[in-house]
Amino acid sequence: MSLQKEIIDIINDVLMLDGNTDDFDGDTGLLGAIPEFDSIAVVSLVTALEEEFGCTFDDDELNADVFATVGSLTSVVQQKLDE
């Protein structure tokens, strides 16, 4: 399974989207595009990503650009995994 697909699955679980992520890809908007994706969801998603991939995100690494699309989020997670 690709990293992007794993992240989409985590987004589906955290936001409780009931599988409505089947057509998500790298260009799918997140922050501002999905009503369920609010500040509480961001915290929950970051926690889930940290637990799943064994990495940590510093507050200064996280901004709106990171959560703009599935692709931008995947890129940041990939960078963490490459460290």
C-alpha atoms as a PDB file:
ATOM      1  CA  MET A   1       0.000   0.000   0.000  1.00  0.00           C
ATOM      2  CA  SER A   2       1.324   3.423  -0.881  1.00  0.00           C
ATOM      3  CA  LEU A   3       1.991   6.062   1.744  1.00  0.00           C
ATOM      4  CA  GLN A   4      -0.666   8.299   0.201  1.00  0.00           C
ATOM      5  CA  LYS A   5      -3.265   5.513   0.403  1.00  0.00           C
ATOM      6  CA  GLU A   6      -2.356   4.871   4.040  1.00  0.00           C
ATOM      7  CA  ILE A   7      -2.799   8.575   4.809  1.00  0.00           C
ATOM      8  CA  ILE A   8      -6.153   8.638   3.007  1.00  0.00           C
ATOM      9  CA  ASP A   9      -7.264   5.662   5.106  1.00  0.00           C
ATOM     10  CA  ILE A  10      -6.215   7.495   8.276  1.00  0.00           C
ATOM     11  CA  ILE A  11      -8.102  10.617   7.139  1.00  0.00           C
ATOM     12  CA  ASN A  12     -11.158   8.443   6.515  1.00  0.00           C
ATOM     13  CA  ASP A  13     -10.936   6.950  10.005  1.00  0.00           C
ATOM     14  CA  VAL A  14     -10.174  10.187  11.888  1.00  0.00           C
ATOM     15  CA  LEU A  15     -12.867  12.221  10.137  1.00  0.00           C
ATOM     16  CA  MET A  16     -15.320   9.291  10.191  1.00  0.00           C
ATOM     17  CA  LEU A  17     -16.051   9.716   6.484  1.00  0.00           C
ATOM     18  CA  ASP A  18     -17.397   6.164   6.126  1.00  0.00           C
ATOM     19  CA  GLY A  19     -15.403   5.325   3.017  1.00  0.00           C
ATOM     20  CA  ASN A  20     -16.225   8.540   1.185  1.00  0.00           C
ATOM     21  CA  THR A  21     -12.506   8.883   0.511  1.00  0.00           C
ATOM     22  CA  ASP A  22     -12.406   6.303  -2.302  1.00  0.00           C
ATOM     23  CA  ASP A  23     -11.923   9.009  -4.924  1.00  0.00           C
ATOM     24  CA  PHE A  24      -9.336  10.986  -2.918  1.00  0.00           C
ATOM     25  CA  ASP A  25      -5.974  11.550  -4.584  1.00  0.00           C
ATOM     26  CA  GLY A  26      -2.998  13.868  -4.151  1.00  0.00           C
ATOM     27  CA  ASP A  27      -4.961  16.867  -5.422  1.00  0.00           C
ATOM     28  CA  THR A  28      -7.877  16.414  -3.024  1.00  0.00           C
ATOM     29  CA  GLY A  29      -8.287  19.486  -0.851  1.00  0.00           C
ATOM     30  CA  LEU A  30      -8.405  19.097   2.907  1.00  0.00           C
ATOM     31  CA  LEU A  31      -8.417  22.252   5.041  1.00  0.00           C
ATOM     32  CA  GLY A  32     -11.326  24.394   3.902  1.00  0.00           C
ATOM     33  CA  ALA A  33     -12.550  21.763   1.447  1.00  0.00           C
ATOM     34  CA  ILE A  34     -13.920  19.099   3.802  1.00  0.00           C
ATOM     35  CA  PRO A  35     -16.433  20.385   6.385  1.00  0.00           C
ATOM     36  CA  GLU A  36     -15.335  17.778   8.930  1.00  0.00           C
ATOM     37  CA  PHE A  37     -11.709  18.930   8.681  1.00  0.00           C
ATOM     38  CA  ASP A  38     -11.584  21.537  11.453  1.00  0.00           C
ATOM     39  CA  SER A  39      -8.982  22.406  14.082  1.00  0.00           C
ATOM     40  CA  ILE A  40      -9.981  19.478  16.295  1.00  0.00           C
ATOM     41  CA  ALA A  41      -9.648  17.125  13.326  1.00  0.00           C
ATOM     42  CA  VAL A  42      -6.169  18.499  12.587  1.00  0.00           C
ATOM     43  CA  VAL A  43      -5.027  17.615  16.112  1.00  0.00           C
ATOM     44  CA  SER A  44      -6.602  14.163  15.881  1.00  0.00           C
ATOM     45  CA  LEU A  45      -5.071  13.555  12.463  1.00  0.00           C
ATOM     46  CA  VAL A  46      -1.593  14.612  13.569  1.00  0.00           C
ATOM     47  CA  THR A  47      -1.858  12.302  16.588  1.00  0.00           C
ATOM     48  CA  ALA A  48      -2.970   9.409  14.387  1.00  0.00           C
ATOM     49  CA  LEU A  49      -0.131  10.022  11.916  1.00  0.00           C
ATOM     50  CA  GLU A  50       2.439  10.174  14.716  1.00  0.00           C
ATOM     51  CA  GLU A  51       1.148   6.907  16.162  1.00  0.00           C
ATOM     52  CA  GLU A  52       0.953   5.117  12.805  1.00  0.00           C
ATOM     53  CA  PHE A  53       4.338   6.183  11.462  1.00  0.00           C
ATOM     54  CA  GLY A  54       6.317   6.614  14.687  1.00  0.00           C
ATOM     55  CA  CYS A  55       7.283  10.202  14.008  1.00  0.00           C
ATOM     56  CA  THR A  56       6.645  13.511  15.729  1.00  0.00           C
ATOM     57  CA  PHE A  57       5.674  16.869  14.312  1.00  0.00           C
ATOM     58  CA  ASP A  58       6.813  20.092  15.917  1.00  0.00           C
ATOM     59  CA  ASP A  59       4.263  22.902  16.082  1.00  0.00           C
ATOM     60  CA  ASP A  60       6.376  25.089  13.796  1.00  0.00           C
ATOM     61  CA  GLU A  61       6.274  22.380  11.105  1.00  0.00           C
ATOM     62  CA  LEU A  62       2.511  22.440  10.899  1.00  0.00           C
ATOM     63  CA  ASN A  63       0.697  25.170   9.012  1.00  0.00           C
ATOM     64  CA  ALA A  64      -2.194  25.521   6.586  1.00  0.00           C
ATOM     65  CA  ASP A  65       0.044  24.652   3.618  1.00  0.00           C
ATOM     66  CA  VAL A  66       0.713  21.197   5.086  1.00  0.00           C
ATOM     67  CA  PHE A  67      -3.019  20.480   5.214  1.00  0.00           C
ATOM     68  CA  ALA A  68      -3.918  22.057   1.859  1.00  0.00           C
ATOM     69  CA  THR A  69      -4.174  18.744  -0.010  1.00  0.00           C
ATOM     70  CA  VAL A  70      -3.652  15.043   0.478  1.00  0.00           C
ATOM     71  CA  GLY A  71      -0.475  15.423  -1.573  1.00  0.00           C
ATOM     72  CA  SER A  72       0.979  18.193   0.578  1.00  0.00           C
ATOM     73  CA  LEU A  73       0.280  16.194   3.727  1.00  0.00           C
ATOM     74  CA  THR A  74       1.810  13.076   2.187  1.00  0.00           C
ATOM     75  CA  SER A  75       4.955  15.034   1.267  1.00  0.00           C
ATOM     76  CA  VAL A  76       5.423  16.231   4.836  1.00  0.00           C
ATOM     77  CA  VAL A  77       4.928  12.743   6.252  1.00  0.00           C
ATOM     78  CA  GLN A  78       7.388  11.342   3.682  1.00  0.00           C
ATOM     79  CA  GLN A  79       9.968  13.940   4.744  1.00  0.00           C
ATOM     80  CA  LYS A  80       9.516  12.841   8.366  1.00  0.00           C
ATOM     81  CA  LEU A  81       9.994   9.203   7.434  1.00  0.00           C
ATOM     82  CA  ASP A  82      13.157  10.041   5.481  1.00  0.00           C
ATOM     83  CA  GLU A  83      14.772  11.814   8.463  1.00  0.00           C
END
